Amino acid sequence: MFGCLVAGRLVQTDALQVAADKFVFNLPDYENVNHVVVFMLGTVPFPAGMGGAVYFSFPDPLSGGPVWQLLGFITNDKPSAIFKISGLKAGEGGAHPFGMMAAAPSSVAQLGVSVETLDQLAQQTPVSSAAVSTVDSFMQFTVCSVHAKFEVLS
């Protein structure tokens, strides 16, 4: 149903189903991961009125327990998303639907997808540092170049 992609690694489609509506990917060596892509495989759509909240969990360096943070969501209308995970901070975890799952080893993070109603997804606030710019890098370069040239000419 879901796939996960980290740059420089093979695509993962082997999510562990930990509950009827919850799926988890293990991400080894997460300290070297900047962005992660979560997507629907296209084989099974969400039921009508449902979507998937995307969470990221990493071991807290102090307690060793998992820190879960909401990254965003995917739906049938938005079947993929890119999230920046390199800036997530320890201790900023929040409410999550994954309960007291067994913690992953200290070098392994987890990416979770929780199937929830679209109304629930709309009421949740993702951690702000996970947002990825919607403007591509070429556009950013072009805008910066134009601004720099304008400043030189004025």
N, C-alpha and C. Protein backbone atom coordinates (compact mmCIF):
# COMPACT_ATOMS: atom_id res chain seq x y z
N MET A 1 0.82 -1.20 0.00
CA MET A 1 0.00 0.00 0.00
C MET A 1 0.86 1.26 0.00
N PHE A 2 2.03 1.24 0.74
CA PHE A 2 2.88 2.42 0.86
C PHE A 2 4.31 2.09 0.47
N GLY A 3 5.03 3.13 0.08
CA GLY A 3 6.44 3.02 -0.21
C GLY A 3 7.18 4.15 0.47
N CYS A 4 8.48 3.95 0.64
CA CYS A 4 9.32 4.93 1.32
C CYS A 4 10.64 5.00 0.55
N LEU A 5 11.15 6.21 0.33
CA LEU A 5 12.39 6.38 -0.41
C LEU A 5 13.30 7.35 0.31
N VAL A 6 14.54 6.93 0.48
CA VAL A 6 15.60 7.77 1.03
C VAL A 6 16.66 7.85 -0.06
N ALA A 7 17.17 9.05 -0.33
CA ALA A 7 18.17 9.23 -1.38
C ALA A 7 19.36 8.29 -1.17
N GLY A 8 19.80 7.67 -2.25
CA GLY A 8 20.94 6.78 -2.20
C GLY A 8 20.62 5.37 -1.72
N ARG A 9 19.36 5.10 -1.47
CA ARG A 9 18.95 3.77 -0.99
C ARG A 9 17.88 3.20 -1.91
N LEU A 10 17.67 1.90 -1.81
CA LEU A 10 16.61 1.27 -2.57
C LEU A 10 15.25 1.67 -2.00
N VAL A 11 14.25 1.65 -2.85
CA VAL A 11 12.88 1.93 -2.42
C VAL A 11 12.43 0.84 -1.46
N GLN A 12 11.77 1.24 -0.38
CA GLN A 12 11.22 0.28 0.58
C GLN A 12 9.71 0.17 0.35
N THR A 13 9.25 -1.05 0.18
CA THR A 13 7.81 -1.29 0.07
C THR A 13 7.36 -2.34 1.08
N ASP A 14 8.23 -2.63 2.03
CA ASP A 14 7.99 -3.70 3.00
C ASP A 14 7.56 -3.16 4.36
N ALA A 15 6.59 -2.28 4.37
CA ALA A 15 6.12 -1.71 5.64
C ALA A 15 5.59 -2.83 6.53
N LEU A 16 5.92 -2.73 7.81
CA LEU A 16 5.39 -3.67 8.79
C LEU A 16 4.03 -3.18 9.24
N GLN A 17 3.02 -4.03 9.16
CA GLN A 17 1.69 -3.65 9.63
C GLN A 17 1.63 -3.97 11.12
N VAL A 18 1.63 -2.91 11.96
CA VAL A 18 1.67 -3.09 13.41
C VAL A 18 0.28 -3.04 14.04
N ALA A 19 -0.71 -2.62 13.28
CA ALA A 19 -2.12 -2.62 13.69
C ALA A 19 -2.93 -2.59 12.40
N ALA A 20 -4.22 -2.75 12.51
CA ALA A 20 -5.07 -2.78 11.31
C ALA A 20 -4.93 -1.52 10.47
N ASP A 21 -4.64 -0.39 11.13
CA ASP A 21 -4.57 0.89 10.42
C ASP A 21 -3.22 1.60 10.59
N LYS A 22 -2.17 0.85 10.94
CA LYS A 22 -0.86 1.46 11.18
C LYS A 22 0.25 0.64 10.53
N PHE A 23 1.16 1.36 9.87
CA PHE A 23 2.25 0.73 9.15
C PHE A 23 3.55 1.44 9.51
N VAL A 24 4.66 0.69 9.56
CA VAL A 24 5.94 1.26 9.97
C VAL A 24 7.05 0.78 9.03
N PHE A 25 7.92 1.71 8.64
CA PHE A 25 9.15 1.40 7.91
C PHE A 25 10.31 1.62 8.87
N ASN A 26 11.29 0.72 8.86
CA ASN A 26 12.52 0.93 9.62
C ASN A 26 13.53 1.65 8.74
N LEU A 27 14.18 2.67 9.29
CA LEU A 27 15.18 3.45 8.56
C LEU A 27 16.51 3.35 9.29
N PRO A 28 17.35 2.37 8.91
CA PRO A 28 18.65 2.26 9.57
C PRO A 28 19.55 3.44 9.21
N ASP A 29 20.49 3.72 10.09
CA ASP A 29 21.47 4.79 9.87
C ASP A 29 20.78 6.12 9.56
N TYR A 30 19.74 6.43 10.33
CA TYR A 30 18.92 7.62 10.07
C TYR A 30 19.67 8.93 10.25
N GLU A 31 20.78 8.91 10.98
CA GLU A 31 21.53 10.15 11.21
C GLU A 31 22.04 10.76 9.91
N ASN A 32 22.17 9.95 8.87
CA ASN A 32 22.67 10.42 7.58
C ASN A 32 21.57 10.67 6.56
N VAL A 33 20.33 10.74 7.01
CA VAL A 33 19.19 10.96 6.12
C VAL A 33 18.71 12.40 6.27
N ASN A 34 18.59 13.11 5.15
CA ASN A 34 18.09 14.49 5.18
C ASN A 34 16.60 14.57 4.86
N HIS A 35 16.19 13.87 3.82
CA HIS A 35 14.79 13.90 3.38
C HIS A 35 14.29 12.48 3.18
N VAL A 36 12.99 12.33 3.31
CA VAL A 36 12.37 11.04 3.07
C VAL A 36 11.10 11.27 2.25
N VAL A 37 10.85 10.38 1.31
CA VAL A 37 9.65 10.46 0.47
C VAL A 37 8.72 9.31 0.87
N VAL A 38 7.47 9.63 1.09
CA VAL A 38 6.46 8.62 1.40
C VAL A 38 5.43 8.68 0.28
N PHE A 39 5.02 7.51 -0.20
CA PHE A 39 4.08 7.51 -1.32
C PHE A 39 3.20 6.28 -1.29
N MET A 40 2.06 6.41 -1.93
CA MET A 40 1.16 5.27 -2.11
C MET A 40 1.64 4.50 -3.33
N LEU A 41 1.55 3.19 -3.27
CA LEU A 41 2.00 2.37 -4.39
C LEU A 41 1.02 2.38 -5.55
N GLY A 42 -0.21 2.79 -5.30
CA GLY A 42 -1.20 2.82 -6.37
C GLY A 42 -1.98 1.53 -6.50
N THR A 43 -1.65 0.55 -5.70
CA THR A 43 -2.35 -0.73 -5.78
C THR A 43 -3.62 -0.75 -4.94
N VAL A 44 -3.60 -0.05 -3.80
CA VAL A 44 -4.75 -0.01 -2.90
C VAL A 44 -4.98 1.43 -2.47
N PRO A 45 -6.09 2.05 -2.90
CA PRO A 45 -6.36 3.42 -2.46
C PRO A 45 -6.87 3.43 -1.02
N PHE A 46 -6.82 4.62 -0.41
CA PHE A 46 -7.44 4.78 0.91
C PHE A 46 -8.95 4.64 0.74
N PRO A 47 -9.64 4.13 1.75
CA PRO A 47 -11.11 4.14 1.70
C PRO A 47 -11.61 5.58 1.62
N ALA A 48 -12.81 5.78 1.11
CA ALA A 48 -13.38 7.12 0.98
C ALA A 48 -13.34 7.84 2.33
N GLY A 49 -12.91 9.10 2.30
CA GLY A 49 -12.86 9.91 3.51
C GLY A 49 -11.68 9.64 4.41
N MET A 50 -10.70 8.85 3.94
CA MET A 50 -9.55 8.49 4.76
C MET A 50 -8.25 8.94 4.10
N GLY A 51 -7.21 9.07 4.91
CA GLY A 51 -5.87 9.40 4.44
C GLY A 51 -4.87 8.83 5.42
N GLY A 52 -3.60 9.17 5.22
CA GLY A 52 -2.56 8.64 6.09
C GLY A 52 -1.74 9.73 6.73
N ALA A 53 -1.73 9.79 8.06
CA ALA A 53 -0.85 10.71 8.79
C ALA A 53 0.53 10.07 8.80
N VAL A 54 1.56 10.87 8.48
CA VAL A 54 2.93 10.35 8.40
C VAL A 54 3.70 10.85 9.62
N TYR A 55 4.27 9.91 10.36
CA TYR A 55 5.03 10.21 11.58
C TYR A 55 6.47 9.72 11.42
N PHE A 56 7.38 10.37 12.12
CA PHE A 56 8.78 9.96 12.15
C PHE A 56 9.16 9.74 13.60
N SER A 57 9.85 8.66 13.87
CA SER A 57 10.29 8.34 15.23
C SER A 57 11.78 8.05 15.23
N PHE A 58 12.47 8.64 16.19
CA PHE A 58 13.88 8.34 16.37
C PHE A 58 14.14 8.18 17.86
N PRO A 59 15.19 7.46 18.22
CA PRO A 59 15.47 7.24 19.64
C PRO A 59 15.95 8.53 20.31
N ASP A 60 15.35 8.87 21.44
CA ASP A 60 15.79 10.04 22.21
C ASP A 60 17.17 9.74 22.77
N PRO A 61 18.15 10.62 22.52
CA PRO A 61 19.51 10.35 22.99
C PRO A 61 19.61 10.26 24.51
N LEU A 62 18.71 10.90 25.24
CA LEU A 62 18.78 10.88 26.70
C LEU A 62 18.07 9.67 27.30
N SER A 63 16.83 9.45 26.88
CA SER A 63 16.05 8.37 27.49
C SER A 63 16.13 7.06 26.71
N GLY A 64 16.47 7.14 25.43
CA GLY A 64 16.49 5.95 24.59
C GLY A 64 15.12 5.56 24.07
N GLY A 65 14.07 6.20 24.61
CA GLY A 65 12.71 5.91 24.15
C GLY A 65 12.42 6.58 22.82
N PRO A 66 11.41 6.12 22.11
CA PRO A 66 11.09 6.71 20.81
C PRO A 66 10.45 8.09 20.94
N VAL A 67 10.85 8.99 20.06
CA VAL A 67 10.27 10.33 19.96
C VAL A 67 9.51 10.37 18.63
N TRP A 68 8.19 10.45 18.68
CA TRP A 68 7.36 10.47 17.47
C TRP A 68 6.98 11.90 17.14
N GLN A 69 7.13 12.27 15.87
CA GLN A 69 6.76 13.61 15.41
C GLN A 69 5.93 13.50 14.14
N LEU A 70 4.85 14.28 14.09
CA LEU A 70 3.99 14.30 12.91
C LEU A 70 4.67 15.10 11.80
N LEU A 71 4.85 14.48 10.64
CA LEU A 71 5.46 15.16 9.50
C LEU A 71 4.42 15.79 8.58
N GLY A 72 3.33 15.11 8.35
CA GLY A 72 2.30 15.58 7.42
C GLY A 72 1.38 14.43 7.07
N PHE A 73 0.90 14.41 5.83
CA PHE A 73 -0.06 13.37 5.46
C PHE A 73 -0.02 13.10 3.96
N ILE A 74 -0.60 11.97 3.59
CA ILE A 74 -0.84 11.62 2.19
C ILE A 74 -2.30 11.21 2.08
N THR A 75 -2.87 11.41 0.89
CA THR A 75 -4.26 11.05 0.62
C THR A 75 -4.36 10.52 -0.80
N ASN A 76 -5.55 10.09 -1.19
CA ASN A 76 -5.74 9.67 -2.58
C ASN A 76 -5.50 10.83 -3.54
N ASP A 77 -5.82 12.06 -3.12
CA ASP A 77 -5.61 13.23 -3.97
C ASP A 77 -4.17 13.74 -3.91
N LYS A 78 -3.43 13.41 -2.87
CA LYS A 78 -2.02 13.80 -2.70
C LYS A 78 -1.26 12.54 -2.28
N PRO A 79 -0.98 11.66 -3.26
CA PRO A 79 -0.47 10.33 -2.91
C PRO A 79 1.01 10.25 -2.57
N SER A 80 1.71 11.38 -2.53
CA SER A 80 3.12 11.34 -2.14
C SER A 80 3.49 12.65 -1.47
N ALA A 81 4.56 12.59 -0.68
CA ALA A 81 5.04 13.78 0.00
C ALA A 81 6.52 13.61 0.33
N ILE A 82 7.24 14.73 0.33
CA ILE A 82 8.65 14.76 0.70
C ILE A 82 8.76 15.50 2.01
N PHE A 83 9.50 14.94 2.96
CA PHE A 83 9.66 15.56 4.26
C PHE A 83 11.14 15.71 4.61
N LYS A 84 11.47 16.84 5.19
CA LYS A 84 12.83 17.07 5.68
C LYS A 84 12.88 16.56 7.12
N ILE A 85 13.76 15.60 7.39
CA ILE A 85 13.84 15.06 8.74
C ILE A 85 15.16 15.40 9.43
N SER A 86 16.08 16.02 8.70
CA SER A 86 17.39 16.30 9.29
C SER A 86 17.33 17.36 10.38
N GLY A 87 16.32 18.21 10.41
CA GLY A 87 16.25 19.27 11.40
C GLY A 87 15.37 18.95 12.60
N LEU A 88 14.85 17.73 12.69
CA LEU A 88 13.98 17.39 13.80
C LEU A 88 14.78 17.31 15.09
N LYS A 89 14.22 17.80 16.16
CA LYS A 89 14.93 17.90 17.43
C LYS A 89 14.41 16.89 18.45
N ALA A 90 15.32 16.36 19.22
CA ALA A 90 14.95 15.46 20.31
C ALA A 90 14.11 16.21 21.33
N GLY A 91 13.18 15.52 21.93
CA GLY A 91 12.36 16.12 22.97
C GLY A 91 11.16 16.87 22.46
N GLU A 92 10.99 16.97 21.13
CA GLU A 92 9.86 17.71 20.58
C GLU A 92 8.75 16.79 20.10
N GLY A 93 8.71 15.59 20.62
CA GLY A 93 7.67 14.65 20.22
C GLY A 93 6.31 15.08 20.75
N GLY A 94 5.29 14.56 20.13
CA GLY A 94 3.94 14.92 20.54
C GLY A 94 3.04 13.70 20.57
N ALA A 95 1.75 13.96 20.61
CA ALA A 95 0.77 12.88 20.61
C ALA A 95 0.88 12.11 19.31
N HIS A 96 0.73 10.80 19.41
CA HIS A 96 0.82 9.96 18.22
C HIS A 96 -0.01 8.70 18.45
N PRO A 97 -0.40 8.04 17.37
CA PRO A 97 -1.26 6.87 17.52
C PRO A 97 -0.51 5.54 17.62
N PHE A 98 0.81 5.56 17.76
CA PHE A 98 1.56 4.32 17.72
C PHE A 98 1.76 3.68 19.09
N GLY A 99 1.22 4.29 20.14
CA GLY A 99 1.25 3.68 21.47
C GLY A 99 2.65 3.40 21.96
N MET A 100 2.76 2.38 22.76
CA MET A 100 4.04 2.03 23.37
C MET A 100 4.69 0.88 22.60
N MET A 101 4.89 1.07 21.32
CA MET A 101 5.55 0.06 20.52
C MET A 101 6.96 -0.14 21.04
N ALA A 102 7.52 -1.29 20.82
CA ALA A 102 8.90 -1.54 21.22
C ALA A 102 9.82 -0.58 20.49
N ALA A 103 10.75 -0.02 21.21
CA ALA A 103 11.69 0.93 20.62
C ALA A 103 12.62 0.21 19.65
N ALA A 104 12.95 0.89 18.57
CA ALA A 104 13.89 0.35 17.60
C ALA A 104 15.30 0.48 18.16
N PRO A 105 16.27 -0.25 17.61
CA PRO A 105 17.66 -0.07 18.05
C PRO A 105 18.09 1.39 17.90
N SER A 106 19.12 1.79 18.62
CA SER A 106 19.50 3.20 18.69
C SER A 106 19.92 3.81 17.36
N SER A 107 20.31 3.01 16.38
CA SER A 107 20.70 3.57 15.09
C SER A 107 19.60 3.46 14.04
N VAL A 108 18.40 3.06 14.47
CA VAL A 108 17.29 2.87 13.54
C VAL A 108 16.14 3.81 13.91
N ALA A 109 15.68 4.54 12.91
CA ALA A 109 14.49 5.38 13.08
C ALA A 109 13.32 4.64 12.45
N GLN A 110 12.12 5.15 12.67
CA GLN A 110 10.95 4.54 12.06
C GLN A 110 10.07 5.62 11.44
N LEU A 111 9.50 5.28 10.31
CA LEU A 111 8.54 6.14 9.64
C LEU A 111 7.21 5.42 9.72
N GLY A 112 6.21 6.07 10.29
CA GLY A 112 4.92 5.43 10.48
C GLY A 112 3.83 6.10 9.67
N VAL A 113 2.89 5.31 9.18
CA VAL A 113 1.71 5.83 8.49
C VAL A 113 0.50 5.31 9.25
N SER A 114 -0.33 6.24 9.71
CA SER A 114 -1.53 5.90 10.45
C SER A 114 -2.75 6.30 9.61
N VAL A 115 -3.58 5.34 9.27
CA VAL A 115 -4.77 5.61 8.46
C VAL A 115 -5.81 6.27 9.36
N GLU A 116 -6.21 7.49 8.98
CA GLU A 116 -7.13 8.29 9.78
C GLU A 116 -8.13 8.99 8.87
N THR A 117 -9.18 9.54 9.46
CA THR A 117 -10.16 10.26 8.65
C THR A 117 -9.56 11.57 8.16
N LEU A 118 -10.06 12.07 7.04
CA LEU A 118 -9.57 13.34 6.50
C LEU A 118 -9.84 14.48 7.48
N ASP A 119 -10.94 14.40 8.23
CA ASP A 119 -11.23 15.42 9.24
C ASP A 119 -10.16 15.44 10.32
N GLN A 120 -9.73 14.26 10.77
CA GLN A 120 -8.67 14.19 11.77
C GLN A 120 -7.36 14.76 11.22
N LEU A 121 -7.05 14.43 9.98
CA LEU A 121 -5.81 14.92 9.36
C LEU A 121 -5.80 16.44 9.28
N ALA A 122 -6.95 17.02 8.96
CA ALA A 122 -7.05 18.48 8.81
C ALA A 122 -6.84 19.20 10.14
N GLN A 123 -7.11 18.54 11.25
CA GLN A 123 -7.00 19.18 12.57
C GLN A 123 -5.61 19.04 13.18
N GLN A 124 -4.74 18.25 12.58
CA GLN A 124 -3.41 18.01 13.14
C GLN A 124 -2.40 19.02 12.60
N THR A 125 -1.42 19.36 13.42
CA THR A 125 -0.38 20.31 13.02
C THR A 125 0.97 19.59 12.97
N PRO A 126 1.53 19.46 11.77
CA PRO A 126 2.85 18.82 11.65
C PRO A 126 3.94 19.68 12.29
N VAL A 127 5.04 19.05 12.65
CA VAL A 127 6.18 19.77 13.17
C VAL A 127 6.71 20.68 12.05
N SER A 128 6.97 21.94 12.35
CA SER A 128 7.28 22.92 11.30
C SER A 128 8.59 22.65 10.59
N SER A 129 9.56 22.06 11.24
CA SER A 129 10.86 21.84 10.60
C SER A 129 10.83 20.72 9.58
N ALA A 130 9.72 19.99 9.46
CA ALA A 130 9.63 18.90 8.49
C ALA A 130 9.17 19.38 7.13
N ALA A 131 8.68 20.61 7.05
CA ALA A 131 8.16 21.13 5.78
C ALA A 131 9.27 21.25 4.75
N VAL A 132 8.94 20.93 3.53
CA VAL A 132 9.88 21.05 2.43
C VAL A 132 9.37 22.12 1.49
N SER A 133 10.27 22.94 1.01
CA SER A 133 9.90 24.02 0.11
C SER A 133 9.17 23.46 -1.10
N THR A 134 8.12 24.14 -1.53
CA THR A 134 7.39 23.70 -2.72
C THR A 134 7.97 24.30 -3.99
N VAL A 135 8.95 25.19 -3.84
CA VAL A 135 9.61 25.80 -4.99
C VAL A 135 10.87 25.00 -5.28
N ASP A 136 11.07 24.61 -6.55
CA ASP A 136 12.24 23.81 -6.85
C ASP A 136 13.52 24.64 -6.78
N SER A 137 14.67 23.97 -6.70
CA SER A 137 15.94 24.66 -6.49
C SER A 137 16.31 25.56 -7.66
N PHE A 138 15.94 25.21 -8.90
CA PHE A 138 16.24 26.07 -10.03
C PHE A 138 15.48 27.39 -9.92
N MET A 139 14.22 27.32 -9.50
CA MET A 139 13.43 28.53 -9.31
C MET A 139 14.04 29.39 -8.20
N GLN A 140 14.46 28.76 -7.10
CA GLN A 140 15.11 29.51 -6.02
C GLN A 140 16.37 30.20 -6.52
N PHE A 141 17.18 29.48 -7.31
CA PHE A 141 18.40 30.05 -7.88
C PHE A 141 18.08 31.24 -8.77
N THR A 142 17.07 31.10 -9.62
CA THR A 142 16.69 32.18 -10.54
C THR A 142 16.24 33.42 -9.77
N VAL A 143 15.40 33.23 -8.78
CA VAL A 143 14.91 34.37 -7.99
C VAL A 143 16.07 35.06 -7.27
N CYS A 144 16.96 34.29 -6.67
CA CYS A 144 18.12 34.88 -5.98
C CYS A 144 19.01 35.63 -6.95
N SER A 145 19.21 35.08 -8.15
CA SER A 145 20.04 35.75 -9.15
C SER A 145 19.43 37.07 -9.58
N VAL A 146 18.14 37.09 -9.81
CA VAL A 146 17.45 38.32 -10.21
C VAL A 146 17.55 39.36 -9.10
N HIS A 147 17.34 38.95 -7.86
CA HIS A 147 17.46 39.88 -6.73
C HIS A 147 18.87 40.45 -6.64
N ALA A 148 19.87 39.60 -6.81
CA ALA A 148 21.26 40.05 -6.72
C ALA A 148 21.58 41.04 -7.84
N LYS A 149 21.14 40.77 -9.05
CA LYS A 149 21.38 41.68 -10.17
C LYS A 149 20.66 43.00 -9.97
N PHE A 150 19.45 42.94 -9.43
CA PHE A 150 18.69 44.16 -9.17
C PHE A 150 19.43 45.03 -8.15
N GLU A 151 19.98 44.40 -7.10
CA GLU A 151 20.71 45.16 -6.08
C GLU A 151 21.96 45.80 -6.66
N VAL A 152 22.64 45.13 -7.57
CA VAL A 152 23.85 45.68 -8.19
C VAL A 152 23.49 46.88 -9.06
N LEU A 153 22.38 46.80 -9.77
CA LEU A 153 21.99 47.87 -10.67
C LEU A 153 21.41 49.07 -9.94
N SER A 154 20.91 48.91 -8.74
CA SER A 154 20.29 50.03 -8.04
C SER A 154 21.23 50.75 -7.12
